Each structure stands twice: as structure tokens, then as C-alpha cells.
Amino acid sequence: MTTTYSRPAAAAPRAGDADPLRVLVHYYDELSRTLDATGRRSRTDAFSPGWQLPPLTPALEDFFAPGTISAQALGTHRDTRLALLNLMHNPATRTTKTLASLMIVARAAAHIRRTGEPVMIITPSSANKATALRDAVRRAHESGLADSEELRIVCVLPTSSSHKVWRSSLTDDPALSARNPLAVRDSAGSHEVKELARAVADQEADAVFARHGLRLWHTLDLDNYVVADTARALFERDRLPAVPRVHAHAVSSAFGLLGHFYGQQQHTGRAWPDTGAQYFLVQHLDTADMVASYYHGAFDHRPAWQHGDGVYTQHADPHFPQRTYAPDERLDPTFYTRTPATSPRMNEIIRKQGGGGIVVSLAECLDRYPHIRRLLEPAGVDLPADPRQLREWSLVMALTGVLNAVDRDLLDLPEVLVHGSGSYHADHYRPPESHQLHPVAGYDGLRDLVHAAASS
């Protein structure tokens, strides 16, 4: 294996692209048009605040400020050019969830100003979505887009990932904490928080409005996320060379890549954009459903393992780890979605445009970790020397998957753009304390918590 750090001019981002571009401000008009088009085709019986952003005032520009993207060349690996699409510039989240969260909260603020109706967001999350939406709500309060009585949020998390949520004034201020609670559900299936949040949103929305005058908005819908992620395609169009490339992403449901594809549809005006974009999914063994579905037609497919010396190995399927400590290993609880509804669409796109996917293990990530740490240093991405301090593995997973794919000859384009969707470690944040979390056993507990937050 040979690794070089040359940066070929043909593939490198253009000069100045290492400086983050405030994409939500820069592309405000295009994103507004995409929002309008999305709203016209969206079909839901549940409450939606509408598909308009507030006017682009200095206050909104300040609110949107963390919604930034940059690109950095990372050198080459066995003649494959690598680059990073850095979506992690918000120091209060360090994940791509900031982009969609800011637009979601801005739409809620526009509804509040237009109708006078307060809004309470309810969302399930494995942690990062909760952190980003709560940060956006906090920013809306501080920027004057909506006050703390007009805009609230309830997040529902699996206990297994509650340590990944970031504390803020919404946890530490007693009044704000009461209006913006963190519910935690302890169950065998982390994905059950999605069903629970949806059930409460569907069955309690009318009662919440009747009793408290608040609109309850369940935001976990693909349309609420893909519009913000079209900014990735706009940034690529304007800031990167127009060459075919593989877009690699650590995924659970692949909302981000679907958003990129949607963005290319919007700016080309074609159902199949024909830009040379291929999509490469990276997953872990606990939820390898999208990769398994694409290659084997079954969400639950896993390879046949051999066990020896405390390690499981296999070499028959290059799209699965060659080494793992456990066949059902949960590398990062961020990735908790099983049988994602987005899988058939992603399969269709990959079959039409090219790409594929790979599953990585902790053992493989640790093998690559020192090299990945050096690879990211010029891009200003800080990985801790001790990988045990890493709390968000998305970026390391994505790069491990790409390096493995190159070594296994799974890619057929000379350039890979790795979507840097998340990376943070223990020194970047403080998790909530136990008294700042609200355990809920099921529907009744979450229903009562929602009404309590609405009345606070």
C-alpha cells in the first residue's frame, strides 16, 4: 500500500475554498425556490409550518452564520484523489445536522411571525439531530427570530446515546430546560424512539394546540432535511471542478446524499442530472441495512464469519469487514436506523449513476486511525491522539470505508469527495447530567412530558 500527499491541481478545490462559505446565506434565493418546489409536492396531514423562510435580514444572516461548507484536498491514496467536503464548521455541534436544523427552525420562526402561533418541535434522535436542533432553537431565541415562549423543542433519545448530546443553555437554565426537555427511552431497540415520537405527535397535536395554543411539529421527514442538503450540490457546482467523482458518506438513512442528488436535480432541471456523481455508502455492522440491501436484496444479510483468537474474520465479501470484534458491532450509536425507507430510492440512484457501499468495523477504523489523523491535519480537523476520546465516528468511518474500498478495487472513478458529516471528541462538549434527562417508559410518559413542556 502506497500513500502520497500530493494535491493534483485537476482535483484540488479552487483557491480559497478552504474558507467556509455561508451557504444558507449565499444560496438563500435558490434554497427558497427549492423549499417552495418541495412544499408544492409534499403531502402530509400533520402540521407543517409552511415552506417559507423569514426575510433575509441581518438577524437571519446572523442566525444562519454556522451553516457553512468548505472543501479541502486530502492528497491521494493509491492514485485515487481524496478531498473533504467539510460540513462540520459549527463549533456548537460539529456535525452536518446544523444545516437542516437552521432551516427547520427558520421555517418555524416564519410561521410564528406570520400567524402568531407558537411552535413546539418534537423529534426523535440518536443525539446529533437533537444537539443541532436545540442549538438552532437557542440561536433563534438569541437572534430575536422567536422568543423562548414562542419556540420550544422536545427531543426523544435512546438511553444508549444520551451521552452524545451537548449541553447548552437549554439544559442548564431551569426555565429553558422545562420548556425544552430531553426525553430518554431505555429499550432494547434504539430505533423505537422514532415510533414513540411519531405516535405522540400524531395523537397529541390537537390536544396540545387546544390546551396550550402551541403547534406540535414532528420534523423527522425527509423533505425537511433534503432541501438544506441541496446546498452541498450548489457548493460543488460553484466551488469544485466539474469532474465525475464518488461522493462517500457514513450513513444511517442517507438523507445527506439524497439531498445532494436532489440539489443536482434542482440546478440541472433534470430527473437524472448526468453530472458524473456516484454515491458510496459507509455503514457499521449494527445497522448495515443499506449496504446489505443494495448488494444482497435483504436488509438482514451478513457474511459468514470465522471466529478465532477473539476476532471474527471473513474474506468472501469485500463489502463487509475482513476483521471485527463482534458480528453485530455497534461502532457508533449515531447510526441506529433499521430497514430505512430511503433504501430503495438510494439503490435506484446507485444502480443508475454508479457507486456502492461498504461496511466497516471498529478494528478496521483503529487500524486506519493514525493515518486518518495525519490525513485530516492539513484540513484543520482535530482527531484526538487517543481514539477512546472520540465520541463521533462518522468521519473516521467514512474515510476508513473509502481507504478500504480503494484497496479492494471497489471504486471506478479517480476522485472521491468524502462528506465530512461529523467528528467530535470528549473535550469538545459536556453531556447532560442525569437530572437534566427525563426517562420515559412509553407513550404516557412522553405525552405527559410534552404537555408539561407546553405549559411551562
Protein backbone atom coordinates (compact mmCIF):
# COMPACT_ATOMS: atom_id res chain seq x y z
CA MET A 1 0.00 0.00 0.00
CA THR A 2 1.43 3.40 -1.01
CA THR A 3 0.10 6.71 0.22
CA THR A 4 1.23 10.09 -1.05
CA TYR A 5 0.20 13.59 -0.05
CA SER A 6 0.44 15.34 -3.40
CA ARG A 7 -2.51 17.52 -4.34
CA PRO A 8 -3.11 17.36 -8.09
CA ALA A 9 -4.36 20.67 -9.46
CA ALA A 10 -7.05 18.97 -11.53
CA ALA A 11 -8.86 17.65 -8.48
CA ALA A 12 -7.99 20.16 -5.80
CA PRO A 13 -10.63 22.61 -4.59
CA ARG A 14 -10.11 26.06 -6.05
CA ALA A 15 -8.06 28.63 -4.21
CA GLY A 16 -9.86 30.00 -1.18
CA ASP A 17 -12.30 27.13 -0.89
CA ALA A 18 -10.76 26.14 2.44
CA ASP A 19 -12.51 29.27 3.76
CA PRO A 20 -16.03 28.28 4.81
CA LEU A 21 -18.84 29.60 2.64
CA ARG A 22 -22.02 30.62 4.45
CA VAL A 23 -24.17 28.56 2.14
CA LEU A 24 -27.55 29.26 3.76
CA VAL A 25 -26.98 32.98 3.22
CA HIS A 26 -25.12 32.73 -0.09
CA TYR A 27 -27.76 30.46 -1.65
CA TYR A 28 -30.77 31.95 0.14
CA ASP A 29 -32.69 32.60 -3.09
CA GLU A 30 -32.02 29.18 -4.61
CA LEU A 31 -32.82 27.41 -1.35
CA SER A 32 -36.05 29.40 -1.06
CA ARG A 33 -37.09 28.30 -4.55
CA THR A 34 -36.28 24.69 -3.71
CA LEU A 35 -38.29 24.98 -0.49
CA ASP A 36 -41.25 26.25 -2.48
CA ALA A 37 -40.98 23.42 -5.02
CA THR A 38 -40.66 20.86 -2.23
CA GLY A 39 -43.66 22.26 -0.41
CA ARG A 40 -45.82 22.06 -3.52
CA ARG A 41 -45.17 18.33 -3.89
CA SER A 42 -45.10 17.47 -0.18
CA ARG A 43 -48.11 15.56 1.11
CA THR A 44 -48.78 15.38 4.84
CA ASP A 45 -51.86 15.55 7.01
CA ALA A 46 -49.82 16.58 10.04
CA PHE A 47 -48.97 20.15 10.98
CA SER A 48 -46.32 21.86 8.87
CA PRO A 49 -45.27 25.49 9.36
CA GLY A 50 -45.14 26.15 5.64
CA TRP A 51 -42.20 26.27 3.28
CA GLN A 52 -41.07 29.87 3.55
CA LEU A 53 -38.01 31.31 5.21
CA PRO A 54 -38.07 34.66 7.01
CA PRO A 55 -36.81 37.66 5.01
CA LEU A 56 -33.02 37.79 4.72
CA THR A 57 -32.39 40.43 7.37
CA PRO A 58 -29.16 40.94 9.34
CA ALA A 59 -30.76 38.94 12.16
CA LEU A 60 -31.40 35.97 9.86
CA GLU A 61 -27.89 36.23 8.41
CA ASP A 62 -26.51 36.04 11.93
CA PHE A 63 -28.77 33.10 12.72
CA PHE A 64 -27.65 31.28 9.56
CA ALA A 65 -23.96 32.02 10.15
CA PRO A 66 -22.96 28.49 11.30
CA GLY A 67 -24.47 26.97 8.14
CA THR A 68 -21.19 26.79 6.28
CA ILE A 69 -19.32 24.43 3.95
CA SER A 70 -15.72 24.24 2.80
CA ALA A 71 -13.62 21.81 0.77
CA GLN A 72 -10.04 20.68 1.25
CA ALA A 73 -7.85 18.33 -0.76
CA LEU A 74 -6.54 15.38 1.27
CA GLY A 75 -3.94 14.01 -1.12
CA THR A 76 -4.01 10.66 -2.86
CA HIS A 77 -4.30 7.02 -1.89
CA ARG A 78 -3.09 4.52 -4.49
CA ASP A 79 -3.65 7.09 -7.26
CA THR A 80 -7.17 7.93 -6.08
CA ARG A 81 -7.58 11.62 -5.30
CA LEU A 82 -9.25 12.34 -1.96
CA ALA A 83 -10.99 15.53 -0.87
CA LEU A 84 -13.08 16.52 2.14
CA LEU A 85 -16.41 18.31 1.98
CA ASN A 86 -16.35 19.83 5.44
CA LEU A 87 -19.88 20.14 6.86
CA MET A 88 -18.75 20.37 10.49
CA HIS A 89 -17.92 24.06 10.97
CA ASN A 90 -20.43 24.87 13.71
CA PRO A 91 -18.38 24.65 16.94
CA ALA A 92 -21.60 24.10 18.92
CA THR A 93 -22.41 20.84 17.09
CA ARG A 94 -19.54 19.76 14.79
CA THR A 95 -21.96 17.87 12.54
CA THR A 96 -23.78 18.46 9.27
CA LYS A 97 -27.12 18.43 11.12
CA THR A 98 -26.66 22.18 11.63
CA LEU A 99 -27.62 22.97 8.03
CA ALA A 100 -31.05 21.33 8.10
CA SER A 101 -31.72 22.34 11.70
CA LEU A 102 -31.21 26.03 10.96
CA MET A 103 -33.63 25.87 8.03
CA ILE A 104 -36.20 23.88 10.00
CA VAL A 105 -36.14 26.37 12.87
CA ALA A 106 -36.19 29.33 10.46
CA ARG A 107 -39.39 27.95 8.91
CA ALA A 108 -40.91 27.62 12.37
CA ALA A 109 -39.95 31.22 13.12
CA ALA A 110 -41.55 32.38 9.87
CA HIS A 111 -44.77 30.61 10.84
CA ILE A 112 -44.73 32.23 14.27
CA ARG A 113 -44.34 35.71 12.77
CA ARG A 114 -46.93 35.07 10.07
CA THR A 115 -49.66 33.57 12.26
CA GLY A 116 -48.82 34.40 15.86
CA GLU A 117 -48.98 30.68 16.71
CA PRO A 118 -46.14 29.33 18.88
CA VAL A 119 -44.44 26.13 17.71
CA MET A 120 -43.09 23.16 19.63
CA ILE A 121 -40.81 20.86 17.64
CA ILE A 122 -40.77 17.18 18.56
CA THR A 123 -38.12 14.89 17.13
CA PRO A 124 -36.52 11.54 17.79
CA SER A 125 -32.75 11.48 17.56
CA SER A 126 -29.74 9.33 18.22
CA ALA A 127 -28.10 12.55 19.55
CA ASN A 128 -26.68 14.70 16.74
CA LYS A 129 -30.03 15.82 15.36
CA ALA A 130 -31.13 16.74 18.88
CA THR A 131 -27.97 18.74 19.53
CA ALA A 132 -28.26 20.61 16.24
CA LEU A 133 -31.98 21.40 16.53
CA ARG A 134 -31.58 22.52 20.12
CA ASP A 135 -28.66 24.73 19.08
CA ALA A 136 -30.80 26.22 16.31
CA VAL A 137 -33.64 26.88 18.77
CA ARG A 138 -31.17 28.56 21.13
CA ARG A 139 -29.83 30.71 18.28
CA ALA A 140 -33.37 31.70 17.28
CA HIS A 141 -34.01 32.89 20.83
CA GLU A 142 -30.76 34.84 20.95
CA SER A 143 -31.14 36.39 17.49
CA GLY A 144 -34.71 37.52 18.12
CA LEU A 145 -36.35 35.33 15.48
CA ALA A 146 -38.58 33.86 18.20
CA ASP A 147 -38.60 34.03 21.97
CA SER A 148 -38.42 31.12 24.37
CA GLU A 149 -42.19 31.01 24.88
CA GLU A 150 -42.92 31.01 21.15
CA LEU A 151 -40.44 28.32 20.11
CA ARG A 152 -39.74 25.10 22.04
CA ILE A 153 -38.41 21.63 21.34
CA VAL A 154 -38.83 18.14 22.79
CA CYS A 155 -36.21 15.55 21.83
CA VAL A 156 -36.61 11.80 22.33
CA LEU A 157 -33.39 9.82 22.59
CA PRO A 158 -32.37 6.24 23.25
CA THR A 159 -30.57 5.96 26.58
CA SER A 160 -27.63 4.35 24.78
CA SER A 161 -26.73 7.59 23.00
CA SER A 162 -27.80 10.26 25.50
CA HIS A 163 -24.13 10.78 26.44
CA LYS A 164 -23.59 12.26 22.96
CA VAL A 165 -25.99 15.18 23.40
CA TRP A 166 -24.32 18.55 24.01
CA ARG A 167 -25.30 20.69 26.97
CA SER A 168 -26.27 24.31 26.42
CA SER A 169 -28.47 26.95 27.99
CA LEU A 170 -31.43 24.74 27.06
CA THR A 171 -30.21 22.17 29.56
CA ASP A 172 -28.61 24.45 32.15
CA ASP A 173 -31.22 27.20 32.53
CA PRO A 174 -34.14 25.80 34.61
CA ALA A 175 -36.88 27.66 32.73
CA LEU A 176 -35.47 26.77 29.31
CA SER A 177 -34.88 23.18 30.37
CA ALA A 178 -38.53 22.82 31.38
CA ARG A 179 -39.71 24.12 28.01
CA ASN A 180 -37.16 22.12 26.00
CA PRO A 181 -36.83 18.73 27.70
CA LEU A 182 -34.63 15.80 26.74
CA ALA A 183 -36.64 12.58 26.96
CA VAL A 184 -34.73 9.31 27.11
CA ARG A 185 -36.21 5.91 26.34
CA ASP A 186 -34.49 2.80 27.62
CA SER A 187 -35.40 -0.12 25.38
CA ALA A 188 -33.77 -2.95 23.52
CA GLY A 189 -34.29 -1.23 20.18
CA SER A 190 -32.86 2.29 19.89
CA HIS A 191 -34.98 2.89 16.79
CA GLU A 192 -38.14 2.65 18.93
CA VAL A 193 -37.77 6.34 19.79
CA LYS A 194 -38.88 7.10 16.23
CA GLU A 195 -42.13 5.21 16.65
CA LEU A 196 -42.73 6.78 20.05
CA ALA A 197 -42.17 10.37 18.91
CA ARG A 198 -44.34 9.85 15.85
CA ALA A 199 -47.18 8.34 17.90
CA VAL A 200 -47.24 11.23 20.37
CA ALA A 201 -47.03 13.81 17.58
CA ASP A 202 -49.88 12.22 15.66
CA GLN A 203 -52.18 11.65 18.63
CA GLU A 204 -51.47 14.68 20.82
CA ALA A 205 -51.08 17.54 18.32
CA ASP A 206 -54.73 18.61 18.54
CA ALA A 207 -54.76 18.40 22.34
CA VAL A 208 -51.54 20.41 22.65
CA PHE A 209 -52.98 23.16 20.47
CA ALA A 210 -56.36 23.13 22.24
CA ARG A 211 -54.89 23.26 25.75
CA HIS A 212 -51.76 25.32 25.26
CA GLY A 213 -52.09 27.11 21.92
CA LEU A 214 -48.89 25.57 20.54
CA ARG A 215 -48.49 23.82 17.21
CA LEU A 216 -46.70 20.48 17.63
CA TRP A 217 -44.39 19.83 14.67
CA HIS A 218 -42.85 16.42 14.08
CA THR A 219 -39.83 17.30 11.92
CA LEU A 220 -38.40 13.86 11.08
CA ASP A 221 -39.48 13.83 7.47
CA LEU A 222 -37.12 13.52 4.51
CA ASP A 223 -38.44 16.69 2.87
CA ASN A 224 -37.46 18.73 5.93
CA TYR A 225 -33.84 17.65 5.53
CA VAL A 226 -33.09 17.27 1.83
CA VAL A 227 -33.60 20.95 0.99
CA ALA A 228 -30.77 22.08 3.25
CA ASP A 229 -28.55 19.34 1.87
CA THR A 230 -29.08 20.64 -1.67
CA ALA A 231 -26.58 23.30 -0.58
CA ARG A 232 -23.89 20.63 -0.91
CA ALA A 233 -24.64 20.32 -4.63
CA LEU A 234 -24.72 24.10 -5.05
CA PHE A 235 -21.35 24.44 -3.34
CA GLU A 236 -19.91 21.67 -5.53
CA ARG A 237 -21.30 23.31 -8.67
CA ASP A 238 -19.69 26.65 -7.90
CA ARG A 239 -16.52 25.75 -5.99
CA LEU A 240 -15.24 22.39 -7.24
CA PRO A 241 -14.03 21.29 -10.68
CA ALA A 242 -16.81 19.85 -12.84
CA VAL A 243 -15.48 16.29 -13.00
CA PRO A 244 -17.06 12.91 -12.24
CA ARG A 245 -16.48 11.95 -8.62
CA VAL A 246 -17.58 9.50 -5.96
CA HIS A 247 -19.46 11.01 -3.02
CA ALA A 248 -18.71 8.95 0.08
CA HIS A 249 -20.73 9.32 3.27
CA ALA A 250 -21.19 7.44 6.55
CA VAL A 251 -24.94 6.88 6.58
CA SER A 252 -27.90 5.62 8.54
CA SER A 253 -30.67 6.60 6.10
CA ALA A 254 -28.58 8.59 3.56
CA PHE A 255 -30.61 11.80 3.90
CA GLY A 256 -27.48 13.80 3.08
CA LEU A 257 -26.71 12.04 -0.18
CA LEU A 258 -30.36 12.14 -1.21
CA GLY A 259 -30.23 15.88 -0.55
CA HIS A 260 -27.14 16.23 -2.73
CA PHE A 261 -28.87 14.30 -5.52
CA TYR A 262 -31.99 16.46 -5.13
CA GLY A 263 -29.81 19.55 -5.35
CA GLN A 264 -28.33 18.35 -8.62
CA GLN A 265 -31.83 17.66 -9.91
CA GLN A 266 -32.89 21.19 -9.00
CA HIS A 267 -29.97 23.07 -10.50
CA THR A 268 -29.80 20.98 -13.70
CA GLY A 269 -33.56 20.73 -14.15
CA ARG A 270 -33.21 17.02 -14.94
CA ALA A 271 -34.59 13.97 -13.14
CA TRP A 272 -31.25 12.26 -13.77
CA PRO A 273 -28.67 15.06 -13.53
CA ASP A 274 -25.91 13.28 -15.52
CA THR A 275 -23.12 15.11 -13.68
CA GLY A 276 -20.96 12.05 -13.10
CA ALA A 277 -21.85 11.83 -9.41
CA GLN A 278 -21.60 8.37 -7.87
CA TYR A 279 -22.68 7.59 -4.30
CA PHE A 280 -20.82 5.35 -1.86
CA LEU A 281 -22.45 4.39 1.44
CA VAL A 282 -20.41 3.57 4.55
CA GLN A 283 -22.10 1.78 7.47
CA HIS A 284 -21.31 -0.21 10.61
CA LEU A 285 -22.36 -3.78 11.34
CA ASP A 286 -25.16 -2.96 13.78
CA THR A 287 -27.12 -1.21 11.04
CA ALA A 288 -25.59 -2.33 7.75
CA ASP A 289 -29.04 -2.46 6.18
CA MET A 290 -28.50 -0.17 3.19
CA VAL A 291 -25.30 -1.87 2.03
CA ALA A 292 -26.85 -5.31 2.58
CA SER A 293 -29.97 -4.28 0.67
CA TYR A 294 -28.01 -2.94 -2.29
CA TYR A 295 -25.75 -5.94 -2.78
CA HIS A 296 -27.89 -8.79 -1.46
CA GLY A 297 -31.51 -7.61 -1.63
CA ALA A 298 -32.09 -8.19 2.08
CA PHE A 299 -31.64 -5.79 4.99
CA ASP A 300 -30.53 -8.56 7.34
CA HIS A 301 -27.85 -10.15 5.17
CA ARG A 302 -24.50 -10.59 6.87
CA PRO A 303 -21.46 -12.62 5.79
CA ALA A 304 -20.45 -15.97 7.23
CA TRP A 305 -17.82 -15.34 9.88
CA GLN A 306 -14.98 -17.45 11.17
CA HIS A 307 -14.04 -16.98 14.81
CA GLY A 308 -10.59 -17.39 16.26
CA ASP A 309 -8.28 -15.62 18.69
CA GLY A 310 -11.14 -13.38 19.81
CA VAL A 311 -11.71 -11.90 16.34
CA TYR A 312 -14.27 -12.64 13.63
CA THR A 313 -12.92 -12.74 10.09
CA GLN A 314 -14.22 -13.20 6.55
CA HIS A 315 -12.77 -12.62 3.09
CA ALA A 316 -15.61 -13.71 0.82
CA ASP A 317 -17.45 -10.37 0.64
CA PRO A 318 -15.29 -7.25 0.08
CA HIS A 319 -18.19 -5.01 1.06
CA PHE A 320 -18.08 -6.23 4.67
CA PRO A 321 -15.27 -6.05 7.25
CA GLN A 322 -12.45 -8.52 6.99
CA ARG A 323 -12.00 -8.28 10.78
CA THR A 324 -14.38 -7.37 13.57
CA TYR A 325 -14.62 -7.86 17.31
CA ALA A 326 -18.33 -8.75 17.06
CA PRO A 327 -20.63 -9.65 14.13
CA ASP A 328 -23.28 -7.19 15.37
CA GLU A 329 -20.85 -4.50 16.47
CA ARG A 330 -22.27 -1.05 17.24
CA LEU A 331 -19.40 1.23 16.35
CA ASP A 332 -21.35 4.42 16.96
CA PRO A 333 -24.95 4.72 18.25
CA THR A 334 -25.43 7.65 15.86
CA PHE A 335 -26.32 5.07 13.23
CA TYR A 336 -29.45 3.43 14.59
CA THR A 337 -31.97 3.24 11.74
CA ARG A 338 -33.05 -0.23 10.67
CA THR A 339 -34.74 -1.07 7.35
CA PRO A 340 -34.62 2.59 6.24
CA ALA A 341 -37.43 3.65 3.93
CA THR A 342 -34.87 5.54 1.86
CA SER A 343 -33.01 2.39 0.83
CA PRO A 344 -34.99 1.53 -2.35
CA ARG A 345 -34.52 5.06 -3.71
CA MET A 346 -30.81 5.07 -2.90
CA ASN A 347 -30.43 1.66 -4.54
CA GLU A 348 -32.12 3.00 -7.68
CA ILE A 349 -29.82 6.02 -7.83
CA ILE A 350 -26.66 3.97 -7.34
CA ARG A 351 -27.70 1.45 -9.99
CA LYS A 352 -28.35 4.30 -12.42
CA GLN A 353 -25.35 6.51 -11.65
CA GLY A 354 -22.79 4.19 -10.07
CA GLY A 355 -21.25 3.86 -6.65
CA GLY A 356 -21.91 1.25 -3.99
CA GLY A 357 -21.12 0.82 -0.34
CA ILE A 358 -19.05 -0.83 2.34
CA VAL A 359 -19.39 -1.80 5.99
CA VAL A 360 -16.53 -1.05 8.39
CA SER A 361 -15.62 -2.34 11.83
CA LEU A 362 -14.00 -0.79 14.87
CA ALA A 363 -10.92 -2.94 14.28
CA GLU A 364 -10.57 -1.55 10.76
CA CYS A 365 -11.11 2.02 11.95
CA LEU A 366 -8.44 1.60 14.62
CA ASP A 367 -6.03 0.15 12.06
CA ARG A 368 -6.51 3.24 9.89
CA TYR A 369 -6.80 5.77 12.71
CA PRO A 370 -3.18 7.07 12.86
CA HIS A 371 -3.13 7.53 9.09
CA ILE A 372 -6.55 9.22 9.04
CA ARG A 373 -5.45 11.55 11.83
CA ARG A 374 -2.45 12.66 9.75
CA LEU A 375 -4.60 12.88 6.62
CA LEU A 376 -7.01 15.32 8.28
CA GLU A 377 -4.45 17.59 9.96
CA PRO A 378 -3.99 19.90 6.93
CA ALA A 379 -7.78 20.30 6.75
CA GLY A 380 -7.88 21.52 10.35
CA VAL A 381 -9.92 18.57 11.61
CA ASP A 382 -8.78 17.67 15.10
CA LEU A 383 -8.81 13.98 15.98
CA PRO A 384 -7.60 13.09 19.49
CA ALA A 385 -4.40 11.09 19.80
CA ASP A 386 -6.33 8.57 21.88
CA PRO A 387 -9.23 7.19 19.81
CA ARG A 388 -11.03 6.28 23.02
CA GLN A 389 -11.78 10.00 23.40
CA LEU A 390 -13.62 10.14 20.08
CA ARG A 391 -17.37 10.47 20.56
CA GLU A 392 -18.49 10.86 16.93
CA TRP A 393 -17.05 8.34 14.49
CA SER A 394 -18.81 9.37 11.27
CA LEU A 395 -15.82 10.95 9.56
CA VAL A 396 -13.39 8.22 10.63
CA MET A 397 -15.86 5.60 9.42
CA ALA A 398 -16.26 7.32 6.05
CA LEU A 399 -12.52 7.62 5.47
CA THR A 400 -11.88 4.05 6.64
CA GLY A 401 -14.53 2.86 4.20
CA VAL A 402 -13.02 4.83 1.33
CA LEU A 403 -9.47 3.63 2.02
CA ASN A 404 -10.70 0.04 2.28
CA ALA A 405 -12.69 0.44 -0.93
CA VAL A 406 -9.67 1.77 -2.81
CA ASP A 407 -7.51 -1.09 -1.55
CA ARG A 408 -10.19 -3.62 -2.56
CA ASP A 409 -10.74 -2.04 -6.02
CA LEU A 410 -14.38 -1.24 -5.31
CA LEU A 411 -14.33 2.26 -6.84
CA ASP A 412 -14.14 3.06 -10.53
CA LEU A 413 -13.55 6.83 -10.52
CA PRO A 414 -10.22 8.56 -9.77
CA GLU A 415 -11.66 11.09 -7.31
CA VAL A 416 -13.57 10.68 -4.04
CA LEU A 417 -15.23 13.52 -2.15
CA VAL A 418 -15.75 12.44 1.44
CA HIS A 419 -18.71 14.22 3.03
CA GLY A 420 -17.46 15.13 6.49
CA SER A 421 -20.73 14.79 8.35
CA GLY A 422 -19.49 14.65 11.94
CA SER A 423 -16.47 14.42 14.20
CA TYR A 424 -16.06 15.44 17.83
CA HIS A 425 -14.35 14.20 20.94
CA ALA A 426 -14.73 14.38 24.70
CA ASP A 427 -13.03 17.78 25.03
CA HIS A 428 -15.45 19.44 22.62
CA TYR A 429 -18.57 19.31 24.79
CA ARG A 430 -20.23 18.37 28.08
CA PRO A 431 -23.01 15.77 28.09
CA PRO A 432 -26.17 16.28 30.15
CA GLU A 433 -26.20 15.27 33.78
CA SER A 434 -28.70 12.67 34.90
CA HIS A 435 -31.09 15.22 36.41
CA GLN A 436 -31.26 17.01 33.04
CA LEU A 437 -32.70 13.93 31.34
CA HIS A 438 -36.31 12.77 31.59
CA PRO A 439 -36.76 8.98 31.43
CA VAL A 440 -39.96 7.92 29.68
CA ALA A 441 -41.22 4.34 29.74
CA GLY A 442 -43.55 4.74 26.79
CA TYR A 443 -46.38 6.74 25.28
CA ASP A 444 -47.92 8.02 28.51
CA GLY A 445 -44.62 9.31 29.84
CA LEU A 446 -43.73 11.20 26.67
CA ARG A 447 -47.27 12.56 26.32
CA ASP A 448 -47.15 13.96 29.85
CA LEU A 449 -43.69 15.45 29.27
CA VAL A 450 -44.86 17.19 26.10
CA HIS A 451 -47.84 18.75 27.88
CA ALA A 452 -45.66 19.79 30.81
CA ALA A 453 -43.20 21.48 28.45
CA ALA A 454 -46.04 23.22 26.64
CA SER A 455 -47.45 24.61 29.89
CA SER A 456 -44.11 25.77 31.36
